[in-house]
C-alpha atoms as a PDB file:
ATOM      1  CA  MET A   1       0.148  -0.065  -0.043  1.00  0.00           C
ATOM      2  CA  GLU A   2       1.363   3.339  -0.980  1.00  0.00           C
ATOM      3  CA  MET A   3       0.977   6.614   1.330  1.00  0.00           C
ATOM      4  CA  GLY A   4       2.212  10.079   1.348  1.00  0.00           C
ATOM      5  CA  SER A   5       4.049  11.978  -1.203  1.00  0.00           C
ATOM      6  CA  PHE A   6       2.074  14.233  -3.763  1.00  0.00           C
ATOM      7  CA  ILE A   7      -1.687  14.382  -4.197  1.00  0.00           C
ATOM      8  CA  GLU A   8      -3.152  13.085  -7.507  1.00  0.00           C
ATOM      9  CA  ILE A   9      -6.233  14.389  -8.979  1.00  0.00           C
ATOM     10  CA  GLN A  10      -9.103  12.863  -7.276  1.00  0.00           C
ATOM     11  CA  PHE A  11     -12.906  12.003  -8.434  1.00  0.00           C
ATOM     12  CA  PRO A  12     -15.980  11.410  -6.722  1.00  0.00           C
ATOM     13  CA  ARG A  13     -16.457   7.647  -6.418  1.00  0.00           C
ATOM     14  CA  GLU A  14     -19.320   5.193  -6.907  1.00  0.00           C
ATOM     15  CA  HIS A  15     -20.986   7.087  -9.532  1.00  0.00           C
ATOM     16  CA  GLU A  16     -20.125   4.630 -12.662  1.00  0.00           C
ATOM     17  CA  TYR A  17     -22.999   4.353 -14.836  1.00  0.00           C
ATOM     18  CA  TYR A  18     -22.752   0.647 -15.874  1.00  0.00           C
ATOM     19  CA  SER A  19     -21.708  -1.737 -12.982  1.00  0.00           C
ATOM     20  CA  GLY A  20     -22.812  -5.377 -11.667  1.00  0.00           C
ATOM     21  CA  ASP A  21     -22.518  -8.877 -13.323  1.00  0.00           C
ATOM     22  CA  GLY A  22     -22.734  -9.377 -16.805  1.00  0.00           C
ATOM     23  CA  ILE A  23     -20.645  -6.310 -17.606  1.00  0.00           C
ATOM     24  CA  VAL A  24     -17.104  -5.976 -18.990  1.00  0.00           C
ATOM     25  CA  ARG A  25     -14.909  -2.835 -19.129  1.00  0.00           C
ATOM     26  CA  LEU A  26     -12.523  -2.903 -22.052  1.00  0.00           C
ATOM     27  CA  ASN A  27     -10.266  -0.105 -23.630  1.00  0.00           C
ATOM     28  CA  THR A  28     -12.470   0.487 -27.326  1.00  0.00           C
ATOM     29  CA  GLY A  29     -15.659  -0.046 -28.819  1.00  0.00           C
ATOM     30  CA  ARG A  30     -13.698  -2.024 -31.634  1.00  0.00           C
ATOM     31  CA  ALA A  31     -12.527  -4.201 -29.115  1.00  0.00           C
ATOM     32  CA  ALA A  32     -15.853  -4.708 -27.473  1.00  0.00           C
ATOM     33  CA  ILE A  33     -17.442  -5.815 -30.513  1.00  0.00           C
ATOM     34  CA  TRP A  34     -14.817  -8.417 -31.143  1.00  0.00           C
ATOM     35  CA  HIS A  35     -15.218  -9.418 -27.489  1.00  0.00           C
ATOM     36  CA  ALA A  36     -18.933  -9.812 -28.135  1.00  0.00           C
ATOM     37  CA  LEU A  37     -18.159 -12.195 -31.292  1.00  0.00           C
ATOM     38  CA  ARG A  38     -15.982 -14.306 -28.888  1.00  0.00           C
ATOM     39  CA  ILE A  39     -18.966 -14.532 -26.232  1.00  0.00           C
ATOM     40  CA  LEU A  40     -21.581 -15.560 -29.030  1.00  0.00           C
ATOM     41  CA  GLY A  41     -18.952 -17.850 -30.765  1.00  0.00           C
ATOM     42  CA  CYS A  42     -19.352 -16.260 -34.214  1.00  0.00           C
ATOM     43  CA  VAL A  43     -16.570 -15.805 -36.607  1.00  0.00           C
ATOM     44  CA  THR A  44     -18.963 -13.943 -39.288  1.00  0.00           C
ATOM     45  CA  VAL A  45     -20.721 -10.896 -38.564  1.00  0.00           C
ATOM     46  CA  TRP A  46     -23.028  -8.961 -40.631  1.00  0.00           C
ATOM     47  CA  MET A  47     -22.254  -5.247 -40.522  1.00  0.00           C
ATOM     48  CA  PRO A  48     -23.646  -2.063 -42.092  1.00  0.00           C
ATOM     49  CA  TYR A  49     -21.782  -0.339 -44.835  1.00  0.00           C
ATOM     50  CA  TYR A  50     -22.501   2.840 -42.973  1.00  0.00           C
ATOM     51  CA  GLN A  51     -19.978   2.328 -40.200  1.00  0.00           C
ATOM     52  CA  CYS A  52     -16.530   3.594 -39.261  1.00  0.00           C
ATOM     53  CA  ASP A  53     -13.583   1.667 -41.189  1.00  0.00           C
ATOM     54  CA  THR A  54     -11.462   1.231 -38.188  1.00  0.00           C
ATOM     55  CA  VAL A  55     -14.181  -1.274 -36.613  1.00  0.00           C
ATOM     56  CA  VAL A  56     -13.892  -3.283 -39.838  1.00  0.00           C
ATOM     57  CA  SER A  57     -10.115  -3.189 -40.105  1.00  0.00           C
ATOM     58  CA  PHE A  58      -9.815  -4.210 -36.443  1.00  0.00           C
ATOM     59  CA  LEU A  59     -12.119  -7.290 -36.896  1.00  0.00           C
ATOM     60  CA  GLU A  60     -10.292  -8.315 -40.074  1.00  0.00           C
ATOM     61  CA  ASN A  61      -7.210  -8.456 -38.347  1.00  0.00           C
ATOM     62  CA  LYS A  62      -8.966 -10.799 -36.075  1.00  0.00           C
ATOM     63  CA  ARG A  63      -9.751 -12.738 -38.802  1.00  0.00           C
ATOM     64  CA  ILE A  64     -13.447 -12.279 -38.677  1.00  0.00           C
ATOM     65  CA  ASN A  65     -15.323 -12.741 -41.769  1.00  0.00           C
ATOM     66  CA  ILE A  66     -17.524  -9.640 -42.381  1.00  0.00           C
ATOM     67  CA  LYS A  67     -20.463  -9.338 -44.711  1.00  0.00           C
ATOM     68  CA  TYR A  68     -22.209  -6.008 -45.498  1.00  0.00           C
ATOM     69  CA  TYR A  69     -25.745  -4.713 -45.368  1.00  0.00           C
ATOM     70  CA  HIS A  70     -27.102  -1.553 -46.929  1.00  0.00           C
ATOM     71  CA  ILE A  71     -29.572   0.897 -44.829  1.00  0.00           C
ATOM     72  CA  ASN A  72     -32.469   2.648 -46.383  1.00  0.00           C
ATOM     73  CA  PRO A  73     -33.493   6.066 -45.611  1.00  0.00           C
ATOM     74  CA  CYS A  74     -35.647   4.777 -42.680  1.00  0.00           C
ATOM     75  CA  PHE A  75     -32.249   3.377 -41.525  1.00  0.00           C
ATOM     76  CA  ASP A  76     -33.606   0.036 -41.657  1.00  0.00           C
ATOM     77  CA  PRO A  77     -31.283  -2.996 -42.786  1.00  0.00           C
ATOM     78  CA  VAL A  78     -32.579  -4.122 -46.258  1.00  0.00           C
ATOM     79  CA  ASP A  79     -30.481  -7.149 -47.354  1.00  0.00           C
ATOM     80  CA  ILE A  80     -29.402  -9.145 -44.291  1.00  0.00           C
ATOM     81  CA  ARG A  81     -29.506 -12.829 -45.174  1.00  0.00           C
ATOM     82  CA  GLN A  82     -28.514 -14.448 -42.156  1.00  0.00           C
ATOM     83  CA  ALA A  83     -27.194 -17.904 -41.604  1.00  0.00           C
ATOM     84  CA  ALA A  84     -26.738 -20.018 -38.690  1.00  0.00           C
ATOM     85  CA  GLY A  85     -23.768 -19.227 -36.538  1.00  0.00           C
ATOM     86  CA  GLU A  86     -23.496 -15.641 -37.926  1.00  0.00           C
ATOM     87  CA  ALA A  87     -23.855 -12.341 -35.622  1.00  0.00           C
ATOM     88  CA  VAL A  88     -25.583  -9.028 -36.680  1.00  0.00           C
ATOM     89  CA  VAL A  89     -24.375  -5.702 -35.485  1.00  0.00           C
ATOM     90  CA  LEU A  90     -27.030  -3.106 -35.641  1.00  0.00           C
ATOM     91  CA  VAL A  91     -26.276   0.441 -34.848  1.00  0.00           C
ATOM     92  CA  ASN A  92     -27.955   3.109 -33.013  1.00  0.00           C
ATOM     93  CA  TYR A  93     -27.396   5.967 -35.269  1.00  0.00           C
ATOM     94  CA  TYR A  94     -26.880   9.454 -33.699  1.00  0.00           C
ATOM     95  CA  GLY A  95     -28.115   8.064 -30.421  1.00  0.00           C
ATOM     96  CA  VAL A  96     -31.601   8.997 -31.721  1.00  0.00           C
ATOM     97  CA  MET A  97     -32.948   5.576 -32.048  1.00  0.00           C
ATOM     98  CA  SER A  98     -35.144   4.388 -29.067  1.00  0.00           C
ATOM     99  CA  SER A  99     -34.961   1.204 -27.138  1.00  0.00           C
ATOM    100  CA  ASP A 100     -38.294   0.019 -28.435  1.00  0.00           C
ATOM    101  CA  ARG A 101     -36.787   0.760 -32.180  1.00  0.00           C
ATOM    102  CA  MET A 102     -33.701  -1.172 -31.472  1.00  0.00           C
ATOM    103  CA  ALA A 103     -35.455  -4.122 -29.656  1.00  0.00           C
ATOM    104  CA  GLU A 104     -37.811  -4.340 -32.593  1.00  0.00           C
ATOM    105  CA  LEU A 105     -34.788  -4.584 -35.017  1.00  0.00           C
ATOM    106  CA  ALA A 106     -33.260  -7.104 -32.933  1.00  0.00           C
ATOM    107  CA  SER A 107     -36.344  -9.427 -33.003  1.00  0.00           C
ATOM    108  CA  TYR A 108     -35.715 -10.143 -36.435  1.00  0.00           C
ATOM    109  CA  TYR A 109     -32.092 -11.830 -36.121  1.00  0.00           C
ATOM    110  CA  ASN A 110     -30.168 -13.962 -34.058  1.00  0.00           C
ATOM    111  CA  ASN A 111     -26.646 -13.202 -32.310  1.00  0.00           C
ATOM    112  CA  VAL A 112     -27.234  -9.714 -32.209  1.00  0.00           C
ATOM    113  CA  ILE A 113     -24.816  -7.090 -31.302  1.00  0.00           C
ATOM    114  CA  LEU A 114     -26.236  -3.676 -30.524  1.00  0.00           C
ATOM    115  CA  ASP A 115     -23.752  -1.134 -31.129  1.00  0.00           C
ATOM    116  CA  ASN A 116     -24.512   1.817 -28.725  1.00  0.00           C
ATOM    117  CA  ALA A 117     -21.238   3.664 -29.506  1.00  0.00           C
ATOM    118  CA  GLN A 118     -23.499   6.784 -30.340  1.00  0.00           C
ATOM    119  CA  ALA A 119     -25.766   6.033 -27.531  1.00  0.00           C
ATOM    120  CA  PHE A 120     -24.011   5.672 -24.240  1.00  0.00           C
ATOM    121  CA  PHE A 121     -27.178   5.932 -22.271  1.00  0.00           C
ATOM    122  CA  ALA A 122     -29.579   3.740 -24.355  1.00  0.00           C
ATOM    123  CA  LYS A 123     -30.903   0.866 -22.195  1.00  0.00           C
ATOM    124  CA  PRO A 124     -29.455  -2.493 -22.569  1.00  0.00           C
ATOM    125  CA  ILE A 125     -31.543  -4.766 -24.622  1.00  0.00           C
ATOM    126  CA  GLU A 126     -32.305  -8.461 -23.323  1.00  0.00           C
ATOM    127  CA  HIS A 127     -30.996 -11.276 -25.087  1.00  0.00           C
ATOM    128  CA  CYS A 128     -28.537  -8.973 -27.038  1.00  0.00           C
ATOM    129  CA  ILE A 129     -24.846  -8.061 -26.272  1.00  0.00           C
ATOM    130  CA  ASN A 130     -24.751  -4.349 -25.889  1.00  0.00           C
ATOM    131  CA  ILE A 131     -21.938  -2.147 -26.658  1.00  0.00           C
ATOM    132  CA  TYR A 132     -21.057   1.199 -25.116  1.00  0.00           C
ATOM    133  CA  SER A 133     -18.131   3.688 -25.943  1.00  0.00           C
ATOM    134  CA  THR A 134     -17.255   6.092 -23.210  1.00  0.00           C
ATOM    135  CA  ARG A 135     -15.222   8.772 -24.800  1.00  0.00           C
ATOM    136  CA  LYS A 136     -17.997  10.155 -27.266  1.00  0.00           C
ATOM    137  CA  PHE A 137     -19.950  11.161 -24.270  1.00  0.00           C
ATOM    138  CA  ILE A 138     -17.284  11.578 -21.341  1.00  0.00           C
ATOM    139  CA  GLY A 139     -13.753  13.125 -21.158  1.00  0.00           C
ATOM    140  CA  VAL A 140     -11.754  10.094 -20.994  1.00  0.00           C
ATOM    141  CA  PRO A 141      -8.703   8.819 -22.821  1.00  0.00           C
ATOM    142  CA  ASP A 142     -10.448   5.375 -23.892  1.00  0.00           C
ATOM    143  CA  GLY A 143     -12.929   3.059 -22.688  1.00  0.00           C
ATOM    144  CA  ALA A 144     -15.829   0.609 -23.619  1.00  0.00           C
ATOM    145  CA  TYR A 145     -18.478  -1.598 -21.896  1.00  0.00           C
ATOM    146  CA  VAL A 146     -19.911  -4.861 -22.946  1.00  0.00           C
ATOM    147  CA  VAL A 147     -23.201  -5.552 -21.484  1.00  0.00           C
ATOM    148  CA  GLY A 148     -25.259  -8.964 -21.799  1.00  0.00           C
ATOM    149  CA  GLU A 149     -25.619 -12.510 -20.438  1.00  0.00           C
ATOM    150  CA  GLY A 150     -22.173 -14.049 -20.403  1.00  0.00           C
ATOM    151  CA  ALA A 151     -20.251 -10.957 -21.433  1.00  0.00           C
ATOM    152  CA  ASP A 152     -17.794 -11.431 -18.447  1.00  0.00           C
ATOM    153  CA  ARG A 153     -16.407 -14.644 -19.797  1.00  0.00           C
ATOM    154  CA  LEU A 154     -13.050 -14.858 -21.300  1.00  0.00           C
ATOM    155  CA  THR A 155     -11.881 -11.312 -19.733  1.00  0.00           C
ATOM    156  CA  SER A 156      -8.988 -13.193 -17.660  1.00  0.00           C
ATOM    157  CA  GLU A 157      -7.162 -13.415 -20.935  1.00  0.00           C
ATOM    158  CA  TYR A 158      -6.820  -9.716 -21.608  1.00  0.00           C
ATOM    159  CA  GLU A 159      -4.280  -7.551 -20.125  1.00  0.00           C
ATOM    160  CA  LYS A 160      -4.873  -4.197 -18.395  1.00  0.00           C
ATOM    161  CA  ASP A 161      -4.762  -0.815 -20.445  1.00  0.00           C
ATOM    162  CA  PHE A 162      -2.540   2.166 -19.153  1.00  0.00           C
ATOM    163  CA  SER A 163      -3.851   5.311 -20.353  1.00  0.00           C
ATOM    164  CA  SER A 164      -1.987   8.142 -18.439  1.00  0.00           C
ATOM    165  CA  ASP A 165       1.036   8.340 -20.493  1.00  0.00           C
ATOM    166  CA  THR A 166      -1.222   9.744 -23.570  1.00  0.00           C
ATOM    167  CA  SER A 167      -3.745  11.483 -21.515  1.00  0.00           C
ATOM    168  CA  LEU A 168      -2.216  14.816 -21.193  1.00  0.00           C
ATOM    169  CA  PHE A 169      -4.357  16.354 -24.032  1.00  0.00           C
ATOM    170  CA  LEU A 170      -7.389  16.118 -21.493  1.00  0.00           C
ATOM    171  CA  LEU A 171      -5.741  18.639 -19.376  1.00  0.00           C
ATOM    172  CA  GLN A 172      -4.161  20.750 -22.429  1.00  0.00           C
ATOM    173  CA  ARG A 173      -7.861  21.266 -23.813  1.00  0.00           C
ATOM    174  CA  ILE A 174      -8.919  23.116 -20.786  1.00  0.00           C
ATOM    175  CA  GLU A 175      -5.847  25.524 -21.211  1.00  0.00           C
ATOM    176  CA  TYR A 176      -4.915  25.666 -24.866  1.00  0.00           C
ATOM    177  CA  GLY A 177      -8.237  24.671 -26.474  1.00  0.00           C
ATOM    178  CA  CYS A 178      -8.658  21.792 -28.932  1.00  0.00           C
ATOM    179  CA  GLU A 179      -6.130  23.189 -31.548  1.00  0.00           C
ATOM    180  CA  GLY A 180      -2.226  23.168 -31.608  1.00  0.00           C
ATOM    181  CA  ARG A 181      -0.315  21.203 -28.801  1.00  0.00           C
ATOM    182  CA  ALA A 182      -3.820  19.677 -27.343  1.00  0.00           C
ATOM    183  CA  TYR A 183      -4.537  18.414 -30.856  1.00  0.00           C
ATOM    184  CA  GLU A 184      -1.113  16.937 -31.385  1.00  0.00           C
ATOM    185  CA  SER A 185      -1.245  15.019 -27.926  1.00  0.00           C
ATOM    186  CA  ARG A 186      -4.810  13.935 -28.947  1.00  0.00           C
ATOM    187  CA  GLU A 187      -3.159  12.216 -31.915  1.00  0.00           C
ATOM    188  CA  GLN A 188      -0.674  10.642 -29.724  1.00  0.00           C
ATOM    189  CA  ASN A 189      -3.640   9.041 -27.808  1.00  0.00           C
ATOM    190  CA  GLU A 190      -5.345   7.852 -31.030  1.00  0.00           C
ATOM    191  CA  LYS A 191      -2.322   6.366 -32.301  1.00  0.00           C
ATOM    192  CA  ARG A 192      -1.835   4.145 -29.095  1.00  0.00           C
ATOM    193  CA  ILE A 193      -5.439   3.340 -29.432  1.00  0.00           C
ATOM    194  CA  ASN A 194      -5.228   2.391 -32.974  1.00  0.00           C
ATOM    195  CA  GLU A 195      -2.353   0.054 -32.049  1.00  0.00           C
ATOM    196  CA  SER A 196      -3.638  -1.601 -29.230  1.00  0.00           C
ATOM    197  CA  ASP A 197      -5.063  -5.080 -28.813  1.00  0.00           C
ATOM    198  CA  VAL A 198      -8.056  -5.742 -26.848  1.00  0.00           C
ATOM    199  CA  LYS A 199      -7.382  -4.725 -23.291  1.00  0.00           C
ATOM    200  CA  LEU A 200      -9.283  -4.199 -20.285  1.00  0.00           C
ATOM    201  CA  MET A 201     -10.259  -0.726 -19.145  1.00  0.00           C
ATOM    202  CA  SER A 202      -7.378   1.529 -17.730  1.00  0.00           C
ATOM    203  CA  THR A 203      -7.503   2.445 -14.031  1.00  0.00           C
ATOM    204  CA  LEU A 204      -7.574   6.133 -15.083  1.00  0.00           C
ATOM    205  CA  THR A 205     -10.485   6.009 -17.417  1.00  0.00           C
ATOM    206  CA  LYS A 206     -12.352   3.749 -14.623  1.00  0.00           C
ATOM    207  CA  LYS A 207     -11.659   6.514 -11.979  1.00  0.00           C
ATOM    208  CA  ILE A 208     -13.036   9.260 -14.095  1.00  0.00           C
ATOM    209  CA  LEU A 209     -16.068   7.270 -15.206  1.00  0.00           C
ATOM    210  CA  ASP A 210     -16.898   7.075 -11.628  1.00  0.00           C
ATOM    211  CA  GLY A 211     -16.981  10.646 -11.138  1.00  0.00           C
ATOM    212  CA  ALA A 212     -19.196  11.848 -13.910  1.00  0.00           C
ATOM    213  CA  ASP A 213     -22.129  13.829 -13.715  1.00  0.00           C
ATOM    214  CA  TYR A 214     -24.295  11.576 -15.824  1.00  0.00           C
ATOM    215  CA  ASP A 215     -27.510  13.179 -14.824  1.00  0.00           C
ATOM    216  CA  GLY A 216     -26.183  16.291 -15.975  1.00  0.00           C
ATOM    217  CA  ILE A 217     -24.946  15.150 -19.107  1.00  0.00           C
ATOM    218  CA  LYS A 218     -28.424  13.397 -19.941  1.00  0.00           C
ATOM    219  CA  ARG A 219     -30.044  16.691 -19.179  1.00  0.00           C
ATOM    220  CA  LYS A 220     -27.769  19.070 -20.977  1.00  0.00           C
ATOM    221  CA  ARG A 221     -27.623  16.913 -24.096  1.00  0.00           C
ATOM    222  CA  ARG A 222     -31.645  16.762 -24.164  1.00  0.00           C
ATOM    223  CA  GLU A 223     -31.909  20.410 -23.945  1.00  0.00           C
ATOM    224  CA  ASN A 224     -29.186  21.161 -26.504  1.00  0.00           C
ATOM    225  CA  PHE A 225     -31.031  18.572 -28.921  1.00  0.00           C
ATOM    226  CA  ALA A 226     -34.143  20.453 -28.364  1.00  0.00           C
ATOM    227  CA  VAL A 227     -32.309  23.861 -29.154  1.00  0.00           C
ATOM    228  CA  ALA A 228     -30.835  22.401 -32.312  1.00  0.00           C
ATOM    229  CA  ARG A 229     -34.468  20.965 -33.788  1.00  0.00           C
ATOM    230  CA  GLU A 230     -35.590  24.528 -33.094  1.00  0.00           C
ATOM    231  CA  LEU A 231     -32.924  26.066 -35.247  1.00  0.00           C
ATOM    232  CA  PHE A 232     -32.306  23.286 -37.792  1.00  0.00           C
ATOM    233  CA  ASP A 233     -35.450  21.013 -38.393  1.00  0.00           C
ATOM    234  CA  GLY A 234     -36.781  23.530 -40.942  1.00  0.00           C
ATOM    235  CA  PHE A 235     -34.228  22.978 -43.547  1.00  0.00           C
ATOM    236  CA  ASN A 236     -32.767  19.551 -42.453  1.00  0.00           C
ATOM    237  CA  LYS A 237     -32.993  16.798 -45.040  1.00  0.00           C
ATOM    238  CA  LEU A 238     -33.056  14.212 -42.368  1.00  0.00           C
ATOM    239  CA  ASN A 239     -35.801  13.386 -39.907  1.00  0.00           C
ATOM    240  CA  ALA A 240     -33.700  13.377 -36.793  1.00  0.00           C
ATOM    241  CA  ILE A 241     -36.690  12.154 -34.494  1.00  0.00           C
ATOM    242  CA  ARG A 242     -38.200   9.574 -36.554  1.00  0.00           C
ATOM    243  CA  TYR A 243     -37.368   6.859 -33.686  1.00  0.00           C
ATOM    244  CA  MET A 244     -36.587   9.114 -30.720  1.00  0.00           C
ATOM    245  CA  ASN A 245     -38.631   9.068 -27.406  1.00  0.00           C
ATOM    246  CA  SER A 246     -38.161  10.685 -24.044  1.00  0.00           C
ATOM    247  CA  ASP A 247     -35.636   7.963 -22.861  1.00  0.00           C
ATOM    248  CA  CYS A 248     -33.084   8.981 -25.890  1.00  0.00           C
ATOM    249  CA  VAL A 249     -29.974  10.946 -25.280  1.00  0.00           C
ATOM    250  CA  PRO A 250     -28.599  11.662 -28.454  1.00  0.00           C
ATOM    251  CA  MET A 251     -24.683  11.961 -29.073  1.00  0.00           C
ATOM    252  CA  VAL A 252     -25.290  14.713 -31.891  1.00  0.00           C
ATOM    253  CA  TYR A 253     -27.710  16.592 -34.037  1.00  0.00           C
ATOM    254  CA  PRO A 254     -27.548  14.816 -37.449  1.00  0.00           C
ATOM    255  CA  LEU A 255     -27.848  17.687 -39.972  1.00  0.00           C
ATOM    256  CA  VAL A 256     -28.300  16.807 -43.514  1.00  0.00           C
ATOM    257  CA  ILE A 257     -27.931  20.055 -46.070  1.00  0.00           C
ATOM    258  CA  GLU A 258     -27.103  19.252 -49.698  1.00  0.00           C
ATOM    259  CA  ASP A 259     -24.169  21.683 -49.749  1.00  0.00           C
ATOM    260  CA  ASP A 260     -20.828  20.406 -50.415  1.00  0.00           C
ATOM    261  CA  MET A 261     -19.326  23.692 -48.694  1.00  0.00           C
ATOM    262  CA  LEU A 262     -21.232  23.060 -45.708  1.00  0.00           C
ATOM    263  CA  LEU A 263     -18.211  21.429 -43.780  1.00  0.00           C
ATOM    264  CA  THR A 264     -15.893  24.245 -44.882  1.00  0.00           C
ATOM    265  CA  LYS A 265     -18.063  26.951 -43.444  1.00  0.00           C
ATOM    266  CA  MET A 266     -18.253  25.212 -40.152  1.00  0.00           C
ATOM    267  CA  LEU A 267     -14.484  24.703 -39.877  1.00  0.00           C
ATOM    268  CA  GLU A 268     -14.302  28.387 -40.782  1.00  0.00           C
ATOM    269  CA  ALA A 269     -16.516  29.155 -37.554  1.00  0.00           C
ATOM    270  CA  LYS A 270     -14.211  26.578 -35.428  1.00  0.00           C
ATOM    271  CA  HIS A 271     -16.816  24.026 -35.387  1.00  0.00           C
ATOM    272  CA  PHE A 272     -14.624  20.937 -35.267  1.00  0.00           C
ATOM    273  CA  GLN A 273     -16.802  18.242 -36.728  1.00  0.00           C
ATOM    274  CA  GLY A 274     -16.012  16.158 -39.726  1.00  0.00           C
ATOM    275  CA  ARG A 275     -18.533  14.361 -41.984  1.00  0.00           C
ATOM    276  CA  TRP A 276     -18.753  10.863 -40.653  1.00  0.00           C
ATOM    277  CA  TRP A 277     -17.071   8.091 -42.915  1.00  0.00           C
ATOM    278  CA  SER A 278     -16.854  10.460 -45.913  1.00  0.00           C
ATOM    279  CA  TYR A 279     -14.582   7.609 -47.528  1.00  0.00           C
ATOM    280  CA  LEU A 280     -18.168   5.976 -48.141  1.00  0.00           C
ATOM    281  CA  ALA A 281     -18.774   8.973 -50.645  1.00  0.00           C
ATOM    282  CA  SER A 282     -16.244   7.771 -52.872  1.00  0.00           C
ATOM    283  CA  LYS A 283     -16.826   3.921 -52.087  1.00  0.00           C
ATOM    284  CA  MET A 284     -20.388   3.563 -52.391  1.00  0.00           C
ATOM    285  CA  PRO A 285     -22.568   3.984 -55.483  1.00  0.00           C
ATOM    286  CA  GLU A 286     -24.311   7.447 -55.841  1.00  0.00           C
ATOM    287  CA  ASP A 287     -27.764   6.020 -55.268  1.00  0.00           C
ATOM    288  CA  THR A 288     -27.172   4.715 -52.136  1.00  0.00           C
ATOM    289  CA  PHE A 289     -28.131   6.167 -48.688  1.00  0.00           C
ATOM    290  CA  GLU A 290     -24.817   5.579 -47.374  1.00  0.00           C
ATOM    291  CA  ASN A 291     -23.023   7.762 -50.235  1.00  0.00           C
ATOM    292  CA  TYR A 292     -25.929  10.643 -49.485  1.00  0.00           C
ATOM    293  CA  LEU A 293     -25.127  10.545 -45.694  1.00  0.00           C
ATOM    294  CA  ALA A 294     -21.377  10.464 -46.219  1.00  0.00           C
ATOM    295  CA  ARG A 295     -21.660  13.423 -48.343  1.00  0.00           C
ATOM    296  CA  TYR A 296     -24.197  15.666 -46.692  1.00  0.00           C
ATOM    297  CA  MET A 297     -24.650  14.635 -43.099  1.00  0.00           C
ATOM    298  CA  VAL A 298     -22.627  17.204 -40.610  1.00  0.00           C
ATOM    299  CA  PRO A 299     -23.066  16.220 -36.718  1.00  0.00           C
ATOM    300  CA  ILE A 300     -24.022  19.207 -35.030  1.00  0.00           C
ATOM    301  CA  THR A 301     -22.160  19.219 -31.354  1.00  0.00           C
ATOM    302  CA  ILE A 302     -25.016  19.019 -28.730  1.00  0.00           C
ATOM    303  CA  ASP A 303     -22.742  17.891 -25.904  1.00  0.00           C
ATOM    304  CA  GLN A 304     -22.852  19.133 -22.264  1.00  0.00           C
ATOM    305  CA  ARG A 305     -19.875  21.866 -22.625  1.00  0.00           C
ATOM    306  CA  TYR A 306     -22.449  23.978 -24.625  1.00  0.00           C
ATOM    307  CA  GLY A 307     -25.868  25.720 -24.704  1.00  0.00           C
ATOM    308  CA  ARG A 308     -28.027  27.881 -26.955  1.00  0.00           C
ATOM    309  CA  LYS A 309     -25.621  30.501 -27.485  1.00  0.00           C
ATOM    310  CA  GLU A 310     -23.106  28.059 -29.300  1.00  0.00           C
ATOM    311  CA  LEU A 311     -25.878  26.302 -31.281  1.00  0.00           C
ATOM    312  CA  GLU A 312     -27.085  30.086 -32.547  1.00  0.00           C
ATOM    313  CA  TYR A 313     -23.525  30.548 -33.245  1.00  0.00           C
ATOM    314  CA  ILE A 314     -23.247  27.696 -35.535  1.00  0.00           C
ATOM    315  CA  MET A 315     -26.358  28.300 -37.127  1.00  0.00           C
ATOM    316  CA  GLY A 316     -25.373  32.093 -38.139  1.00  0.00           C
ATOM    317  CA  ALA A 317     -22.418  30.217 -39.640  1.00  0.00           C
ATOM    318  CA  ILE A 318     -24.328  28.078 -41.568  1.00  0.00           C
ATOM    319  CA  VAL A 319     -26.866  30.627 -42.991  1.00  0.00           C
END
């Protein structure tokens, strides 16, 4: 037991959002999906084309056989032909899909993995493996949860992660903003994550998650989403609330405007969000919904750091 010497940063305790039996804490969302496949005993998985390519690359390196499906403008899977022993990943896009919506989709398939990387507060669905990513909602260097029956199996095979060596960007962001040296430090952390295998969540990340104000985060994100709707719904080409209910806590407000210069305008206004998975605009046929989203969807930031003032500023940069 260590005692004395300098005092470290301290956080409140016993506030972690996911805890108890059937829960695993890992280092990344992509690692969480691979762990879920191990729990299910599946080496083949159906993945949506509209998905982050780092997840696909990670699974391919783990020798997972990947089959792809399209989604239609209602975000329904349209061409899954699941065989015995295959898993299906269903994504809660933007965090605006209700638990009822995800449960209905899951009921059509076997060995379902619900990717809630964009929906940290989404209720776990029974008879599914539920995946959650932490750093899209809380200021942590890494972290993911796997929630579901038997999720805690096989974890003794994983090493513990250490994240403090590349976590300086979290402190630098406070003093320097997100550009310059803070961005460079964050890139070092991204490099570490991209080169990491499956590991157990770092102690630092766990400590931060233990002290997060989850009720405040949920309240502020919902408030900001409502403001974003007030400002942007009138010209948004996407129905952002088709599957929402009062339980949803969105990650972003998904804004679709058919303007190829929109992202440039927002970057000039220092709104640092990119088009999600823009590589699909050149990879997918022009008549696909994936191509359309990759070309025109810009995620509007609605997280707990901001409010109406910032959202109105973004609005002014767009119109």
